[in-house]
Every structure is written in structure tokens, then in C-alpha cells.
PDB file of N, CA and C in Angstrom:
ATOM      1  N   UNK A   1     167.844  94.273 283.510  1.00  0.00           N
ATOM      2  CA  UNK A   1     167.897  94.824 284.908  1.00  0.00           C
ATOM      3  C   UNK A   1     167.367  95.994 285.091  1.00  0.00           C
ATOM      4  N   UNK A   2     166.740  96.347 286.187  1.00  0.00           N
ATOM      5  CA  UNK A   2     166.158  97.478 285.810  1.00  0.00           C
ATOM      6  C   UNK A   2     166.851  98.416 285.730  1.00  0.00           C
ATOM      7  N   UNK A   3     166.257  99.903 285.025  1.00  0.00           N
ATOM      8  CA  UNK A   3     167.500 101.078 285.068  1.00  0.00           C
ATOM      9  C   UNK A   3     167.604 101.632 285.896  1.00  0.00           C
ATOM     10  N   UNK A   4     166.613 101.710 287.152  1.00  0.00           N
ATOM     11  CA  UNK A   4     167.062 102.173 288.307  1.00  0.00           C
ATOM     12  C   UNK A   4     167.800 101.482 289.482  1.00  0.00           C
ATOM     13  N   UNK A   5     167.693 100.456 289.222  1.00  0.00           N
ATOM     14  CA  UNK A   5     168.852  99.428 289.999  1.00  0.00           C
ATOM     15  C   UNK A   5     169.971 100.162 289.486  1.00  0.00           C
ATOM     16  N   UNK A   6     170.477  99.409 288.251  1.00  0.00           N
ATOM     17  CA  UNK A   6     171.819  99.872 287.256  1.00  0.00           C
ATOM     18  C   UNK A   6     172.269 100.985 287.651  1.00  0.00           C
ATOM     19  N   UNK A   7     170.768 102.425 287.618  1.00  0.00           N
ATOM     20  CA  UNK A   7     171.491 103.945 287.845  1.00  0.00           C
ATOM     21  C   UNK A   7     172.268 103.714 289.576  1.00  0.00           C
ATOM     22  N   UNK A   8     171.682 102.823 290.045  1.00  0.00           N
ATOM     23  CA  UNK A   8     172.157 103.171 291.655  1.00  0.00           C
ATOM     24  C   UNK A   8     173.251 102.191 291.775  1.00  0.00           C
ATOM     25  N   UNK A   9     173.462 101.264 290.837  1.00  0.00           N
ATOM     26  CA  UNK A   9     175.040 100.678 291.377  1.00  0.00           C
ATOM     27  C   UNK A   9     175.947 101.447 290.722  1.00  0.00           C
ATOM     28  N   UNK A  10     175.786 101.878 289.016  1.00  0.00           N
ATOM     29  CA  UNK A  10     176.756 102.831 288.664  1.00  0.00           C
ATOM     30  C   UNK A  10     177.068 104.374 289.454  1.00  0.00           C
ATOM     31  N   UNK A  11     176.122 104.484 289.803  1.00  0.00           N
ATOM     32  CA  UNK A  11     176.352 105.916 291.087  1.00  0.00           C
ATOM     33  C   UNK A  11     177.425 105.658 292.108  1.00  0.00           C
ATOM     34  N   UNK A  12     177.405 104.449 292.392  1.00  0.00           N
ATOM     35  CA  UNK A  12     177.761 103.926 293.628  1.00  0.00           C
ATOM     36  C   UNK A  12     179.373 103.678 293.326  1.00  0.00           C
ATOM     37  N   UNK A  13     179.642 103.425 291.714  1.00  0.00           N
ATOM     38  CA  UNK A  13     180.981 102.893 291.534  1.00  0.00           C
ATOM     39  C   UNK A  13     181.812 104.160 291.846  1.00  0.00           C
ATOM     40  N   UNK A  14     180.874 105.397 291.757  1.00  0.00           N
ATOM     41  CA  UNK A  14     181.743 106.539 291.649  1.00  0.00           C
ATOM     42  C   UNK A  14     182.772 107.048 292.559  1.00  0.00           C
ATOM     43  N   UNK A  15     182.086 106.640 294.094  1.00  0.00           N
ATOM     44  CA  UNK A  15     182.166 107.324 295.034  1.00  0.00           C
ATOM     45  C   UNK A  15     183.920 107.050 295.267  1.00  0.00           C
ATOM     46  N   UNK A  16     184.100 107.916 296.526  1.00  0.00           N
ATOM     47  CA  UNK A  16     185.653 107.979 296.755  1.00  0.00           C
ATOM     48  C   UNK A  16     185.826 106.993 298.105  1.00  0.00           C
ATOM     49  N   UNK A  17     185.005 106.525 298.852  1.00  0.00           N
ATOM     50  CA  UNK A  17     184.646 105.718 299.421  1.00  0.00           C
ATOM     51  C   UNK A  17     184.990 104.006 299.275  1.00  0.00           C
ATOM     52  N   UNK A  18     186.107 103.167 298.955  1.00  0.00           N
ATOM     53  CA  UNK A  18     186.543 102.238 298.552  1.00  0.00           C
ATOM     54  C   UNK A  18     185.748 101.078 298.926  1.00  0.00           C
ATOM     55  N   UNK A  19     185.235 101.151 299.841  1.00  0.00           N
ATOM     56  CA  UNK A  19     184.353 100.008 300.422  1.00  0.00           C
ATOM     57  C   UNK A  19     183.033  99.911 299.481  1.00  0.00           C
ATOM     58  N   UNK A  20     182.567 101.357 299.346  1.00  0.00           N
ATOM     59  CA  UNK A  20     181.330 101.372 298.762  1.00  0.00           C
ATOM     60  C   UNK A  20     181.406 101.172 297.234  1.00  0.00           C
ATOM     61  N   UNK A  21     182.528 101.401 296.751  1.00  0.00           N
ATOM     62  CA  UNK A  21     183.035 100.999 295.258  1.00  0.00           C
ATOM     63  C   UNK A  21     182.889  99.391 294.948  1.00  0.00           C
ATOM     64  N   UNK A  22     183.905  98.883 296.044  1.00  0.00           N
ATOM     65  CA  UNK A  22     184.128  97.759 295.949  1.00  0.00           C
ATOM     66  C   UNK A  22     182.225  96.828 296.185  1.00  0.00           C
ATOM     67  N   UNK A  23     181.878  97.003 296.942  1.00  0.00           N
ATOM     68  CA  UNK A  23     180.105  96.525 297.306  1.00  0.00           C
ATOM     69  C   UNK A  23     179.718  97.117 295.850  1.00  0.00           C
ATOM     70  N   UNK A  24     179.456  98.222 295.308  1.00  0.00           N
ATOM     71  CA  UNK A  24     178.759  98.240 293.880  1.00  0.00           C
ATOM     72  C   UNK A  24     179.543  97.917 293.112  1.00  0.00           C
ATOM     73  N   UNK A  25     180.292  97.541 292.562  1.00  0.00           N
ATOM     74  CA  UNK A  25     181.439  96.070 291.900  1.00  0.00           C
ATOM     75  C   UNK A  25     180.735  94.756 291.811  1.00  0.00           C
ATOM     76  N   UNK A  26     180.864  94.398 293.368  1.00  0.00           N
ATOM     77  CA  UNK A  26     179.892  93.159 293.516  1.00  0.00           C
ATOM     78  C   UNK A  26     179.118  92.956 292.873  1.00  0.00           C
ATOM     79  N   UNK A  27     177.866  94.025 293.389  1.00  0.00           N
ATOM     80  CA  UNK A  27     176.707  94.155 292.745  1.00  0.00           C
ATOM     81  C   UNK A  27     176.497  94.309 291.418  1.00  0.00           C
ATOM     82  N   UNK A  28     177.083  94.723 290.904  1.00  0.00           N
ATOM     83  CA  UNK A  28     177.589  94.921 289.304  1.00  0.00           C
ATOM     84  C   UNK A  28     177.792  93.650 288.336  1.00  0.00           C
ATOM     85  N   UNK A  29     178.804  92.891 289.599  1.00  0.00           N
ATOM     86  CA  UNK A  29     179.427  91.031 288.420  1.00  0.00           C
ATOM     87  C   UNK A  29     178.153  90.676 289.300  1.00  0.00           C
ATOM     88  N   UNK A  30     177.397  90.730 290.157  1.00  0.00           N
ATOM     89  CA  UNK A  30     175.782  89.935 290.449  1.00  0.00           C
ATOM     90  C   UNK A  30     175.064  90.399 289.353  1.00  0.00           C
ATOM     91  N   UNK A  31     174.421  91.166 288.755  1.00  0.00           N
ATOM     92  CA  UNK A  31     173.809  91.960 287.861  1.00  0.00           C
ATOM     93  C   UNK A  31     173.998  91.271 286.946  1.00  0.00           C
ATOM     94  N   UNK A  32     175.629  91.587 286.150  1.00  0.00           N
ATOM     95  CA  UNK A  32     175.967  90.870 284.786  1.00  0.00           C
ATOM     96  C   UNK A  32     175.542  89.397 285.088  1.00  0.00           C
ATOM     97  N   UNK A  33     176.593  88.532 285.925  1.00  0.00           N
ATOM     98  CA  UNK A  33     176.076  87.075 285.626  1.00  0.00           C
ATOM     99  C   UNK A  33     174.405  86.719 285.849  1.00  0.00           C
ATOM    100  N   UNK A  34     173.878  87.288 286.530  1.00  0.00           N
ATOM    101  CA  UNK A  34     172.315  87.300 286.278  1.00  0.00           C
ATOM    102  C   UNK A  34     171.802  87.389 285.245  1.00  0.00           C
ATOM    103  N   UNK A  35     172.155  88.206 284.058  1.00  0.00           N
ATOM    104  CA  UNK A  35     171.368  88.338 282.767  1.00  0.00           C
ATOM    105  C   UNK A  35     171.967  87.464 282.121  1.00  0.00           C
ATOM    106  N   UNK A  36     172.860  86.568 282.556  1.00  0.00           N
ATOM    107  CA  UNK A  36     173.144  84.733 281.395  1.00  0.00           C
ATOM    108  C   UNK A  36     173.935  85.161 280.389  1.00  0.00           C
ATOM    109  N   UNK A  37     174.747  84.352 279.692  1.00  0.00           N
ATOM    110  CA  UNK A  37     175.002  84.675 278.632  1.00  0.00           C
ATOM    111  C   UNK A  37     173.896  84.610 277.689  1.00  0.00           C
ATOM    112  N   UNK A  38     173.412  85.956 277.656  1.00  0.00           N
ATOM    113  CA  UNK A  38     172.247  85.968 276.781  1.00  0.00           C
ATOM    114  C   UNK A  38     172.589  87.628 275.915  1.00  0.00           C
ATOM    115  N   UNK A  39     171.903  87.774 274.956  1.00  0.00           N
ATOM    116  CA  UNK A  39     172.025  89.533 274.441  1.00  0.00           C
ATOM    117  C   UNK A  39     172.318  90.302 275.328  1.00  0.00           C
ATOM    118  N   UNK A  40     170.826  90.373 276.491  1.00  0.00           N
ATOM    119  CA  UNK A  40     171.003  91.349 277.367  1.00  0.00           C
ATOM    120  C   UNK A  40     172.599  91.200 278.130  1.00  0.00           C
ATOM    121  N   UNK A  41     173.036  90.284 278.060  1.00  0.00           N
ATOM    122  CA  UNK A  41     174.708  90.467 279.217  1.00  0.00           C
ATOM    123  C   UNK A  41     175.012  91.023 277.625  1.00  0.00           C
ATOM    124  N   UNK A  42     175.152  90.831 276.784  1.00  0.00           N
ATOM    125  CA  UNK A  42     175.917  91.680 275.680  1.00  0.00           C
ATOM    126  C   UNK A  42     175.499  93.428 275.583  1.00  0.00           C
ATOM    127  N   UNK A  43     174.630  93.499 275.465  1.00  0.00           N
ATOM    128  CA  UNK A  43     174.294  95.020 276.008  1.00  0.00           C
ATOM    129  C   UNK A  43     174.634  95.421 276.945  1.00  0.00           C
ATOM    130  N   UNK A  44     174.603  95.066 278.269  1.00  0.00           N
ATOM    131  CA  UNK A  44     175.164  95.825 279.447  1.00  0.00           C
ATOM    132  C   UNK A  44     176.366  96.043 279.205  1.00  0.00           C
ATOM    133  N   UNK A  45     177.557  94.828 278.705  1.00  0.00           N
ATOM    134  CA  UNK A  45     178.810  94.692 278.601  1.00  0.00           C
ATOM    135  C   UNK A  45     179.396  95.955 277.797  1.00  0.00           C
ATOM    136  N   UNK A  46     178.337  95.732 276.443  1.00  0.00           N
ATOM    137  CA  UNK A  46     178.427  97.281 275.501  1.00  0.00           C
ATOM    138  C   UNK A  46     178.746  98.458 276.451  1.00  0.00           C
ATOM    139  N   UNK A  47     177.759  98.467 277.323  1.00  0.00           N
ATOM    140  CA  UNK A  47     177.411  99.825 278.067  1.00  0.00           C
ATOM    141  C   UNK A  47     178.591 100.006 278.726  1.00  0.00           C
ATOM    142  N   UNK A  48     178.915  99.103 279.466  1.00  0.00           N
ATOM    143  CA  UNK A  48     180.006  99.427 280.548  1.00  0.00           C
ATOM    144  C   UNK A  48     181.380  99.804 279.747  1.00  0.00           C
ATOM    145  N   UNK A  49     181.581  99.069 278.742  1.00  0.00           N
ATOM    146  CA  UNK A  49     182.665  99.224 277.881  1.00  0.00           C
ATOM    147  C   UNK A  49     182.863 100.637 277.337  1.00  0.00           C
ATOM    148  N   UNK A  50     181.727 100.936 276.818  1.00  0.00           N
ATOM    149  CA  UNK A  50     181.218 102.564 276.327  1.00  0.00           C
ATOM    150  C   UNK A  50     181.780 103.172 277.350  1.00  0.00           C
ATOM    151  N   UNK A  51     180.928 103.422 278.924  1.00  0.00           N
ATOM    152  CA  UNK A  51     181.740 103.774 279.789  1.00  0.00           C
ATOM    153  C   UNK A  51     183.099 103.715 280.162  1.00  0.00           C
ATOM    154  N   UNK A  52     184.170 102.633 280.256  1.00  0.00           N
ATOM    155  CA  UNK A  52     185.319 102.999 280.534  1.00  0.00           C
ATOM    156  C   UNK A  52     185.970 103.608 279.573  1.00  0.00           C
ATOM    157  N   UNK A  53     185.623 103.417 278.060  1.00  0.00           N
ATOM    158  CA  UNK A  53     185.709 104.136 276.744  1.00  0.00           C
ATOM    159  C   UNK A  53     186.322 105.505 277.140  1.00  0.00           C
ATOM    160  N   UNK A  54     185.365 105.922 277.258  1.00  0.00           N
ATOM    161  CA  UNK A  54     185.315 107.623 277.998  1.00  0.00           C
ATOM    162  C   UNK A  54     185.930 107.701 279.180  1.00  0.00           C
ATOM    163  N   UNK A  55     185.713 107.125 280.333  1.00  0.00           N
ATOM    164  CA  UNK A  55     186.029 107.365 281.321  1.00  0.00           C
ATOM    165  C   UNK A  55     187.747 107.631 281.632  1.00  0.00           C
ATOM    166  N   UNK A  56     188.158 106.461 280.931  1.00  0.00           N
ATOM    167  CA  UNK A  56     189.960 105.950 281.098  1.00  0.00           C
ATOM    168  C   UNK A  56     190.424 107.447 280.891  1.00  0.00           C
ATOM    169  N   UNK A  57     189.789 108.173 279.546  1.00  0.00           N
ATOM    170  CA  UNK A  57     190.888 109.396 279.194  1.00  0.00           C
ATOM    171  C   UNK A  57     190.105 110.489 279.811  1.00  0.00           C
ATOM    172  N   UNK A  58     189.508 109.990 280.820  1.00  0.00           N
ATOM    173  CA  UNK A  58     189.311 111.473 281.635  1.00  0.00           C
ATOM    174  C   UNK A  58     190.345 111.769 282.993  1.00  0.00           C
ATOM    175  N   UNK A  59     189.926 113.454 283.383  1.00  0.00           N
ATOM    176  CA  UNK A  59     190.992 113.425 284.406  1.00  0.00           C
ATOM    177  C   UNK A  59     189.858 113.462 285.703  1.00  0.00           C
ATOM    178  N   UNK A  60     188.562 113.469 285.599  1.00  0.00           N
ATOM    179  CA  UNK A  60     187.953 113.181 286.700  1.00  0.00           C
ATOM    180  C   UNK A  60     188.303 112.075 287.803  1.00  0.00           C
ATOM    181  N   UNK A  61     188.307 112.233 288.700  1.00  0.00           N
ATOM    182  CA  UNK A  61     188.872 111.336 289.758  1.00  0.00           C
ATOM    183  C   UNK A  61     187.898 110.227 289.946  1.00  0.00           C
ATOM    184  N   UNK A  62     186.485 110.726 289.865  1.00  0.00           N
ATOM    185  CA  UNK A  62     185.071 109.751 290.056  1.00  0.00           C
ATOM    186  C   UNK A  62     184.881 108.797 288.811  1.00  0.00           C
ATOM    187  N   UNK A  63     185.307 109.867 287.536  1.00  0.00           N
ATOM    188  CA  UNK A  63     185.228 108.828 286.420  1.00  0.00           C
ATOM    189  C   UNK A  63     186.267 107.562 286.259  1.00  0.00           C
ATOM    190  N   UNK A  64     187.655 107.896 286.995  1.00  0.00           N
ATOM    191  CA  UNK A  64     188.506 106.859 286.539  1.00  0.00           C
ATOM    192  C   UNK A  64     188.280 105.798 287.839  1.00  0.00           C
ATOM    193  N   UNK A  65     187.873 106.374 288.799  1.00  0.00           N
ATOM    194  CA  UNK A  65     187.795 105.260 290.536  1.00  0.00           C
ATOM    195  C   UNK A  65     186.127 104.138 289.817  1.00  0.00           C
ATOM    196  N   UNK A  66     185.388 104.536 288.783  1.00  0.00           N
ATOM    197  CA  UNK A  66     184.646 104.173 288.479  1.00  0.00           C
ATOM    198  C   UNK A  66     184.551 102.877 287.384  1.00  0.00           C
ATOM    199  N   UNK A  67     185.541 103.565 286.421  1.00  0.00           N
ATOM    200  CA  UNK A  67     186.377 102.376 285.651  1.00  0.00           C
ATOM    201  C   UNK A  67     187.306 101.419 286.135  1.00  0.00           C
ATOM    202  N   UNK A  68     187.628 101.605 287.485  1.00  0.00           N
ATOM    203  CA  UNK A  68     188.672 100.928 287.800  1.00  0.00           C
ATOM    204  C   UNK A  68     187.675  99.530 288.666  1.00  0.00           C
ATOM    205  N   UNK A  69     186.218 100.449 289.134  1.00  0.00           N
ATOM    206  CA  UNK A  69     185.312  99.233 289.812  1.00  0.00           C
ATOM    207  C   UNK A  69     184.640  98.580 288.808  1.00  0.00           C
ATOM    208  N   UNK A  70     184.448  98.962 287.846  1.00  0.00           N
ATOM    209  CA  UNK A  70     183.925  98.360 286.408  1.00  0.00           C
ATOM    210  C   UNK A  70     184.694  97.307 286.299  1.00  0.00           C
ATOM    211  N   UNK A  71     185.759  97.737 285.918  1.00  0.00           N
ATOM    212  CA  UNK A  71     186.931  96.325 285.175  1.00  0.00           C
ATOM    213  C   UNK A  71     187.105  95.436 286.458  1.00  0.00           C
ATOM    214  N   UNK A  72     186.845  95.724 287.751  1.00  0.00           N
ATOM    215  CA  UNK A  72     186.920  94.441 289.033  1.00  0.00           C
ATOM    216  C   UNK A  72     185.450  94.138 288.458  1.00  0.00           C
ATOM    217  N   UNK A  73     184.664  94.701 288.398  1.00  0.00           N
ATOM    218  CA  UNK A  73     183.679  93.385 288.448  1.00  0.00           C
ATOM    219  C   UNK A  73     183.636  92.546 287.029  1.00  0.00           C
ATOM    220  N   UNK A  74     184.037  93.229 285.996  1.00  0.00           N
ATOM    221  CA  UNK A  74     184.558  92.220 285.099  1.00  0.00           C
ATOM    222  C   UNK A  74     185.113  91.305 285.059  1.00  0.00           C
ATOM    223  N   UNK A  75     186.102  91.370 285.790  1.00  0.00           N
ATOM    224  CA  UNK A  75     186.853  90.427 286.439  1.00  0.00           C
ATOM    225  C   UNK A  75     186.457  88.709 287.095  1.00  0.00           C
ATOM    226  N   UNK A  76     185.494  89.627 287.781  1.00  0.00           N
ATOM    227  CA  UNK A  76     185.006  88.469 288.037  1.00  0.00           C
ATOM    228  C   UNK A  76     183.971  87.652 287.395  1.00  0.00           C
ATOM    229  N   UNK A  77     183.311  88.297 286.035  1.00  0.00           N
ATOM    230  CA  UNK A  77     182.577  87.405 285.313  1.00  0.00           C
ATOM    231  C   UNK A  77     183.103  86.220 284.633  1.00  0.00           C
ATOM    232  N   UNK A  78     182.681  85.537 284.920  1.00  0.00           N
ATOM    233  CA  UNK A  78     182.980  83.879 283.943  1.00  0.00           C
ATOM    234  C   UNK A  78     182.691  83.782 282.847  1.00  0.00           C
ATOM    235  N   UNK A  79     181.467  84.725 282.472  1.00  0.00           N
ATOM    236  CA  UNK A  79     180.945  83.912 281.225  1.00  0.00           C
ATOM    237  C   UNK A  79     181.229  85.438 279.857  1.00  0.00           C
ATOM    238  N   UNK A  80     182.171  86.449 280.263  1.00  0.00           N
ATOM    239  CA  UNK A  80     182.633  87.501 279.327  1.00  0.00           C
ATOM    240  C   UNK A  80     183.553  85.973 278.008  1.00  0.00           C
ATOM    241  N   UNK A  81     183.666  86.576 276.487  1.00  0.00           N
ATOM    242  CA  UNK A  81     183.936  85.850 275.679  1.00  0.00           C
ATOM    243  C   UNK A  81     185.536  86.105 275.635  1.00  0.00           C
ATOM    244  N   UNK A  82     186.207  85.570 274.835  1.00  0.00           N
ATOM    245  CA  UNK A  82     187.585  86.093 274.932  1.00  0.00           C
ATOM    246  C   UNK A  82     188.051  87.285 274.596  1.00  0.00           C
ATOM    247  N   UNK A  83     187.395  87.827 273.283  1.00  0.00           N
ATOM    248  CA  UNK A  83     187.767  89.605 273.200  1.00  0.00           C
ATOM    249  C   UNK A  83     187.325  90.430 274.179  1.00  0.00           C
ATOM    250  N   UNK A  84     186.316  89.871 274.994  1.00  0.00           N
ATOM    251  CA  UNK A  84     186.029  91.106 276.285  1.00  0.00           C
ATOM    252  C   UNK A  84     187.012  90.727 277.102  1.00  0.00           C
ATOM    253  N   UNK A  85     187.194  89.763 277.488  1.00  0.00           N
ATOM    254  CA  UNK A  85     188.510  89.198 278.806  1.00  0.00           C
ATOM    255  C   UNK A  85     189.623  90.055 277.876  1.00  0.00           C
ATOM    256  N   UNK A  86     190.081  90.066 277.109  1.00  0.00           N
ATOM    257  CA  UNK A  86     191.124  90.946 276.330  1.00  0.00           C
ATOM    258  C   UNK A  86     191.586  91.824 276.751  1.00  0.00           C
ATOM    259  N   UNK A  87     190.209  92.741 276.774  1.00  0.00           N
ATOM    260  CA  UNK A  87     189.918  94.329 276.753  1.00  0.00           C
ATOM    261  C   UNK A  87     190.552  94.592 278.095  1.00  0.00           C
ATOM    262  N   UNK A  88     190.151  94.038 279.254  1.00  0.00           N
ATOM    263  CA  UNK A  88     190.467  94.155 280.623  1.00  0.00           C
ATOM    264  C   UNK A  88     191.664  94.511 280.968  1.00  0.00           C
ATOM    265  N   UNK A  89     192.823  94.029 280.385  1.00  0.00           N
ATOM    266  CA  UNK A  89     194.176  94.602 280.706  1.00  0.00           C
ATOM    267  C   UNK A  89     194.709  95.523 280.176  1.00  0.00           C
ATOM    268  N   UNK A  90     193.931  95.729 278.475  1.00  0.00           N
ATOM    269  CA  UNK A  90     194.019  96.886 277.904  1.00  0.00           C
ATOM    270  C   UNK A  90     193.835  98.289 278.815  1.00  0.00           C
ATOM    271  N   UNK A  91     192.367  98.098 279.311  1.00  0.00           N
ATOM    272  CA  UNK A  91     192.132  99.425 279.858  1.00  0.00           C
ATOM    273  C   UNK A  91     192.502  99.285 281.317  1.00  0.00           C
ATOM    274  N   UNK A  92     193.481  98.671 281.895  1.00  0.00           N
ATOM    275  CA  UNK A  92     193.646  98.530 283.270  1.00  0.00           C
ATOM    276  C   UNK A  92     194.991  99.277 282.637  1.00  0.00           C
ATOM    277  N   UNK A  93     196.109  98.750 281.895  1.00  0.00           N
ATOM    278  CA  UNK A  93     197.021  99.710 281.701  1.00  0.00           C
ATOM    279  C   UNK A  93     197.271 100.720 281.316  1.00  0.00           C
ATOM    280  N   UNK A  94     196.139 101.425 281.009  1.00  0.00           N
ATOM    281  CA  UNK A  94     195.894 103.316 280.600  1.00  0.00           C
ATOM    282  C   UNK A  94     195.133 103.709 282.181  1.00  0.00           C
ATOM    283  N   UNK A  95     194.823 103.032 283.510  1.00  0.00           N
ATOM    284  CA  UNK A  95     194.657 102.952 284.287  1.00  0.00           C
ATOM    285  C   UNK A  95     195.511 103.110 285.619  1.00  0.00           C
ATOM    286  N   UNK A  96     196.755 102.472 285.051  1.00  0.00           N
ATOM    287  CA  UNK A  96     197.522 102.310 285.927  1.00  0.00           C
ATOM    288  C   UNK A  96     198.980 103.573 285.399  1.00  0.00           C
ATOM    289  N   UNK A  97     198.743 104.187 284.244  1.00  0.00           N
ATOM    290  CA  UNK A  97     199.593 105.176 283.958  1.00  0.00           C
ATOM    291  C   UNK A  97     198.913 106.803 284.587  1.00  0.00           C
ATOM    292  N   UNK A  98     197.781 106.428 285.299  1.00  0.00           N
ATOM    293  CA  UNK A  98     197.556 107.735 285.999  1.00  0.00           C
ATOM    294  C   UNK A  98     198.477 108.236 286.631  1.00  0.00           C
ATOM    295  N   UNK A  99     198.405 109.618 287.274  1.00  0.00           N
ATOM    296  CA  UNK A  99     199.352 110.577 288.518  1.00  0.00           C
ATOM    297  C   UNK A  99     198.409 110.019 289.794  1.00  0.00           C
ATOM    298  N   UNK A 100     197.437 109.687 289.582  1.00  0.00           N
ATOM    299  CA  UNK A 100     196.660 109.447 291.017  1.00  0.00           C
ATOM    300  C   UNK A 100     196.482 108.523 291.503  1.00  0.00           C
ATOM    301  N   UNK A 101     197.222 108.373 292.729  1.00  0.00           N
ATOM    302  CA  UNK A 101     197.561 107.277 293.373  1.00  0.00           C
ATOM    303  C   UNK A 101     196.530 106.662 293.767  1.00  0.00           C
ATOM    304  N   UNK A 102     195.451 107.198 294.237  1.00  0.00           N
ATOM    305  CA  UNK A 102     194.217 105.995 294.741  1.00  0.00           C
ATOM    306  C   UNK A 102     193.715 105.399 293.604  1.00  0.00           C
ATOM    307  N   UNK A 103     193.581 105.806 292.006  1.00  0.00           N
ATOM    308  CA  UNK A 103     193.440 105.386 290.949  1.00  0.00           C
ATOM    309  C   UNK A 103     194.615 104.521 290.946  1.00  0.00           C
ATOM    310  N   UNK A 104     195.770 104.565 290.867  1.00  0.00           N
ATOM    311  CA  UNK A 104     196.767 103.400 290.717  1.00  0.00           C
ATOM    312  C   UNK A 104     197.015 102.262 291.358  1.00  0.00           C
ATOM    313  N   UNK A 105     196.381 102.602 292.997  1.00  0.00           N
ATOM    314  CA  UNK A 105     196.320 101.609 293.577  1.00  0.00           C
ATOM    315  C   UNK A 105     194.949 100.724 293.469  1.00  0.00           C
ATOM    316  N   UNK A 106     193.863 101.361 292.801  1.00  0.00           N
ATOM    317  CA  UNK A 106     192.814 100.183 292.873  1.00  0.00           C
ATOM    318  C   UNK A 106     193.260  99.438 291.588  1.00  0.00           C
ATOM    319  N   UNK A 107     193.698 100.351 290.464  1.00  0.00           N
ATOM    320  CA  UNK A 107     194.066  99.847 288.949  1.00  0.00           C
ATOM    321  C   UNK A 107     194.947  98.573 289.700  1.00  0.00           C
ATOM    322  N   UNK A 108     195.935  98.757 290.271  1.00  0.00           N
ATOM    323  CA  UNK A 108     196.584  97.250 290.490  1.00  0.00           C
ATOM    324  C   UNK A 108     195.929  96.559 291.348  1.00  0.00           C
ATOM    325  N   UNK A 109     195.298  96.690 291.892  1.00  0.00           N
ATOM    326  CA  UNK A 109     194.424  95.817 293.145  1.00  0.00           C
ATOM    327  C   UNK A 109     193.681  94.754 291.712  1.00  0.00           C
ATOM    328  N   UNK A 110     192.919  95.240 291.272  1.00  0.00           N
ATOM    329  CA  UNK A 110     192.295  94.414 290.076  1.00  0.00           C
ATOM    330  C   UNK A 110     193.307  93.675 289.066  1.00  0.00           C
ATOM    331  N   UNK A 111     194.387  94.387 288.613  1.00  0.00           N
ATOM    332  CA  UNK A 111     195.234  93.649 288.150  1.00  0.00           C
ATOM    333  C   UNK A 111     195.601  92.556 288.551  1.00  0.00           C
ATOM    334  N   UNK A 112     196.193  92.670 290.101  1.00  0.00           N
ATOM    335  CA  UNK A 112     196.362  91.438 290.956  1.00  0.00           C
ATOM    336  C   UNK A 112     195.174  90.376 290.932  1.00  0.00           C
ATOM    337  N   UNK A 113     194.038  90.987 291.483  1.00  0.00           N
ATOM    338  CA  UNK A 113     192.566  89.915 291.077  1.00  0.00           C
ATOM    339  C   UNK A 113     192.833  89.393 289.395  1.00  0.00           C
ATOM    340  N   UNK A 114     192.841  90.202 288.616  1.00  0.00           N
ATOM    341  CA  UNK A 114     192.871  89.199 286.884  1.00  0.00           C
ATOM    342  C   UNK A 114     194.205  88.358 286.953  1.00  0.00           C
ATOM    343  N   UNK A 115     195.472  88.954 287.474  1.00  0.00           N
ATOM    344  CA  UNK A 115     196.351  87.503 287.346  1.00  0.00           C
ATOM    345  C   UNK A 115     195.912  86.295 288.338  1.00  0.00           C
ATOM    346  N   UNK A 116     195.566  86.525 289.679  1.00  0.00           N
ATOM    347  CA  UNK A 116     194.979  85.368 290.374  1.00  0.00           C
ATOM    348  C   UNK A 116     193.689  84.684 289.600  1.00  0.00           C
ATOM    349  N   UNK A 117     192.882  85.213 288.888  1.00  0.00           N
ATOM    350  CA  UNK A 117     192.279  84.592 288.297  1.00  0.00           C
ATOM    351  C   UNK A 117     192.638  83.061 287.531  1.00  0.00           C
TER     352      UNK A 117
END
């Protein structure tokens, strides 16, 4: 994936507008799937997981909203391995504990999507 394209998607994941975030999450999912079950997909996953680890502990709403959007995209990726899939609920749990209503609502939506998958 080109760095320019990835940067554009990641910046839209930080939007306060839910539609913009959802569209970016769908595009991110497509980018992950398009890399295939390869080392490129694993590198992308590691980069996203690193962002999640940093963002989940943040008090910045944009970081937290980005985290929910990344998790939403990851839920839709069928090629994740078991360890990668197991991390999603753990990270969601941290987001569900946030005091910000918008973040909590988004996290609940991702959780429902995960349960229904």
C-alpha cells in the first residue's frame, strides 16, 4: 500500500464525523485484505496494532476514535490469525471503559459487529 494512501486513510480515521470514520475504516479493511495473507499484511497489522496500543491509553478523542475505527476495520478482515483476532476484544474492553460517550458508543458498535461475525 502506498504511504500516501495509507496516511490519507489513517488521517480520516481520526475524524469526529462518524461517516468519514466509517468510510475510512471500510477503505482500511479493503487495503488490509488487498495485501493478502502475506508479510505485507502482517507488517500493516503490526503498524496498526502499535497505533492501537498508543492510542487506547490516550486522553485525546481523535486517538480514541481512530482506535475504534481501526478495530472496526480489523473485525472485517477474515485473514487475521487467532492471536490477532484475540487482541480485538481486549482492546475494545479498554475503549468501553472510556468516559467519553462518543468513544463508548463507537466501541459498543464495534463490539456488536464482532459478536455478530
